[in-house]
Amino acid sequence: DPDVDEAIRAAIAQKRMLSFDLNGYPRIAEPHDYGVIKGVPKLFFYQVGGKSSSGPPVGWRWAEIAKVSDLRLLDRRFPGPRPAPSGRHAHWDQLIATVTPRS
């Protein structure tokens, strides 16, 4: 969906939070990385609110873009990169957008 793609890119570039539904649960998220892994478009995000089926609704999460619905770009901003969980670095086939500054 071009609208979803555009909203995710804008959110990352502007460090704006997103709200969306994933697997039937509402999420409020800081989008950190957006790209493709093994042919599947994905979003790596830090969830700050909403609900989750896997424990507290705060922390690092993955979303397959095809499973995201009702995505909205929020006016609320976040400061930028957070420390990533150690040992859990993803290999992106294509990294479309990231909040991490390029060095």
C-alpha atoms as a PDB file:
ATOM      1  CA  ASP A   1       0.000   0.000   0.000  1.00  0.00           C
ATOM      2  CA  PRO A   2       1.637   3.244  -1.116  1.00  0.00           C
ATOM      3  CA  ASP A   3      -0.077   5.243   1.665  1.00  0.00           C
ATOM      4  CA  VAL A   4       1.317   2.934   4.366  1.00  0.00           C
ATOM      5  CA  ASP A   5       4.781   3.066   2.790  1.00  0.00           C
ATOM      6  CA  GLU A   6       4.681   6.868   2.614  1.00  0.00           C
ATOM      7  CA  ALA A   7       3.442   7.217   6.214  1.00  0.00           C
ATOM      8  CA  ILE A   8       6.162   4.916   7.585  1.00  0.00           C
ATOM      9  CA  ARG A   9       8.888   6.748   5.652  1.00  0.00           C
ATOM     10  CA  ALA A  10       7.572  10.123   6.865  1.00  0.00           C
ATOM     11  CA  ALA A  11       7.319   8.925  10.474  1.00  0.00           C
ATOM     12  CA  ILE A  12      10.928   7.723  10.472  1.00  0.00           C
ATOM     13  CA  ALA A  13      12.285  10.828   8.712  1.00  0.00           C
ATOM     14  CA  GLN A  14      10.398  13.170  11.076  1.00  0.00           C
ATOM     15  CA  LYS A  15      10.747  10.971  14.208  1.00  0.00           C
ATOM     16  CA  ARG A  16       6.966  10.881  14.613  1.00  0.00           C
ATOM     17  CA  MET A  17       5.074   8.108  16.340  1.00  0.00           C
ATOM     18  CA  LEU A  18       2.643   5.801  14.582  1.00  0.00           C
ATOM     19  CA  SER A  19      -0.538   4.149  15.746  1.00  0.00           C
ATOM     20  CA  PHE A  20      -1.734   0.970  14.075  1.00  0.00           C
ATOM     21  CA  ASP A  21      -3.384  -2.378  14.664  1.00  0.00           C
ATOM     22  CA  LEU A  22      -1.275  -5.514  14.506  1.00  0.00           C
ATOM     23  CA  ASN A  23      -2.726  -8.994  15.025  1.00  0.00           C
ATOM     24  CA  GLY A  24      -5.865  -7.459  16.518  1.00  0.00           C
ATOM     25  CA  TYR A  25      -4.024  -5.283  19.049  1.00  0.00           C
ATOM     26  CA  PRO A  26      -3.710  -1.481  18.947  1.00  0.00           C
ATOM     27  CA  ARG A  27      -0.117  -0.225  19.064  1.00  0.00           C
ATOM     28  CA  ILE A  28       1.538   3.128  19.663  1.00  0.00           C
ATOM     29  CA  ALA A  29       5.044   2.927  18.298  1.00  0.00           C
ATOM     30  CA  GLU A  30       8.324   4.653  17.599  1.00  0.00           C
ATOM     31  CA  PRO A  31       9.259   3.379  14.113  1.00  0.00           C
ATOM     32  CA  HIS A  32      13.007   2.724  13.974  1.00  0.00           C
ATOM     33  CA  ASP A  33      13.785   0.605  10.907  1.00  0.00           C
ATOM     34  CA  TYR A  34      11.741  -0.199   7.820  1.00  0.00           C
ATOM     35  CA  GLY A  35      12.820  -2.543   5.079  1.00  0.00           C
ATOM     36  CA  VAL A  36      12.710  -5.997   3.551  1.00  0.00           C
ATOM     37  CA  ILE A  37      13.941  -9.263   5.058  1.00  0.00           C
ATOM     38  CA  LYS A  38      13.700 -12.426   2.941  1.00  0.00           C
ATOM     39  CA  GLY A  39      11.247 -10.712   0.604  1.00  0.00           C
ATOM     40  CA  VAL A  40       8.917  -9.571   3.423  1.00  0.00           C
ATOM     41  CA  PRO A  41       8.458  -5.837   4.140  1.00  0.00           C
ATOM     42  CA  LYS A  42       8.878  -5.304   7.895  1.00  0.00           C
ATOM     43  CA  LEU A  43       8.956  -2.594  10.520  1.00  0.00           C
ATOM     44  CA  PHE A  44      11.178  -2.743  13.606  1.00  0.00           C
ATOM     45  CA  PHE A  45       9.624  -0.533  16.253  1.00  0.00           C
ATOM     46  CA  TYR A  46       9.649   0.313  19.926  1.00  0.00           C
ATOM     47  CA  GLN A  47       6.139  -0.015  21.319  1.00  0.00           C
ATOM     48  CA  VAL A  48       5.272   2.611  23.926  1.00  0.00           C
ATOM     49  CA  GLY A  49       1.533   2.032  24.292  1.00  0.00           C
ATOM     50  CA  GLY A  50      -1.452  -0.023  23.258  1.00  0.00           C
ATOM     51  CA  LYS A  51      -1.693  -3.763  23.797  1.00  0.00           C
ATOM     52  CA  SER A  52       0.196  -6.950  23.003  1.00  0.00           C
ATOM     53  CA  SER A  53      -0.410 -10.683  23.086  1.00  0.00           C
ATOM     54  CA  SER A  54       3.163 -11.334  24.253  1.00  0.00           C
ATOM     55  CA  GLY A  55       3.454  -9.641  27.613  1.00  0.00           C
ATOM     56  CA  PRO A  56       3.715  -5.978  28.555  1.00  0.00           C
ATOM     57  CA  PRO A  57       2.884  -3.591  25.710  1.00  0.00           C
ATOM     58  CA  VAL A  58       6.257  -1.823  25.918  1.00  0.00           C
ATOM     59  CA  GLY A  59       9.432  -2.868  24.152  1.00  0.00           C
ATOM     60  CA  TRP A  60      10.989  -3.858  20.843  1.00  0.00           C
ATOM     61  CA  ARG A  61       8.676  -5.509  18.302  1.00  0.00           C
ATOM     62  CA  TRP A  62       8.567  -6.589  14.663  1.00  0.00           C
ATOM     63  CA  ALA A  63       5.628  -6.077  12.321  1.00  0.00           C
ATOM     64  CA  GLU A  64       5.074  -7.558   8.900  1.00  0.00           C
ATOM     65  CA  ILE A  65       3.656  -4.627   6.958  1.00  0.00           C
ATOM     66  CA  ALA A  66       0.991  -6.869   5.371  1.00  0.00           C
ATOM     67  CA  LYS A  67      -0.432  -7.515   8.871  1.00  0.00           C
ATOM     68  CA  VAL A  68      -0.618  -3.825   9.823  1.00  0.00           C
ATOM     69  CA  SER A  69      -3.967  -2.044   9.531  1.00  0.00           C
ATOM     70  CA  ASP A  70      -5.429   1.348  10.425  1.00  0.00           C
ATOM     71  CA  LEU A  71      -1.981   2.993  10.349  1.00  0.00           C
ATOM     72  CA  ARG A  72      -1.925   6.665  11.354  1.00  0.00           C
ATOM     73  CA  LEU A  73       0.942   9.142  11.545  1.00  0.00           C
ATOM     74  CA  LEU A  74       0.764  10.947  14.903  1.00  0.00           C
ATOM     75  CA  ASP A  75       1.871  14.490  15.785  1.00  0.00           C
ATOM     76  CA  ARG A  76       3.715  13.100  18.819  1.00  0.00           C
ATOM     77  CA  ARG A  77       7.480  12.874  18.292  1.00  0.00           C
ATOM     78  CA  PHE A  78      10.255  10.727  19.767  1.00  0.00           C
ATOM     79  CA  PRO A  79      13.912  11.678  20.269  1.00  0.00           C
ATOM     80  CA  GLY A  80      15.455   9.187  17.851  1.00  0.00           C
ATOM     81  CA  PRO A  81      17.444   5.973  18.149  1.00  0.00           C
ATOM     82  CA  ARG A  82      17.240   3.840  21.295  1.00  0.00           C
ATOM     83  CA  PRO A  83      19.836   1.304  22.338  1.00  0.00           C
ATOM     84  CA  ALA A  84      19.095  -1.860  20.359  1.00  0.00           C
ATOM     85  CA  PRO A  85      18.802  -5.204  22.133  1.00  0.00           C
ATOM     86  CA  SER A  86      22.190  -6.883  22.124  1.00  0.00           C
ATOM     87  CA  GLY A  87      22.684  -9.881  19.884  1.00  0.00           C
ATOM     88  CA  ARG A  88      19.486  -9.212  17.945  1.00  0.00           C
ATOM     89  CA  HIS A  89      20.723  -7.282  14.947  1.00  0.00           C
ATOM     90  CA  ALA A  90      18.735  -7.978  11.815  1.00  0.00           C
ATOM     91  CA  HIS A  91      20.225  -8.411   8.387  1.00  0.00           C
ATOM     92  CA  TRP A  92      18.079  -6.332   6.051  1.00  0.00           C
ATOM     93  CA  ASP A  93      17.993  -7.352   2.396  1.00  0.00           C
ATOM     94  CA  GLN A  94      16.889  -3.765   1.758  1.00  0.00           C
ATOM     95  CA  LEU A  95      16.807  -1.042   4.409  1.00  0.00           C
ATOM     96  CA  ILE A  96      14.307   1.553   3.183  1.00  0.00           C
ATOM     97  CA  ALA A  97      14.414   3.953   6.149  1.00  0.00           C
ATOM     98  CA  THR A  98      16.072   4.155   9.566  1.00  0.00           C
ATOM     99  CA  VAL A  99      16.262   6.667  12.424  1.00  0.00           C
ATOM    100  CA  THR A 100      19.869   5.639  13.087  1.00  0.00           C
ATOM    101  CA  PRO A 101      22.255   8.242  11.680  1.00  0.00           C
ATOM    102  CA  ARG A 102      24.494   6.916   8.919  1.00  0.00           C
ATOM    103  CA  SER A 103      28.176   7.049   9.797  1.00  0.00           C
END
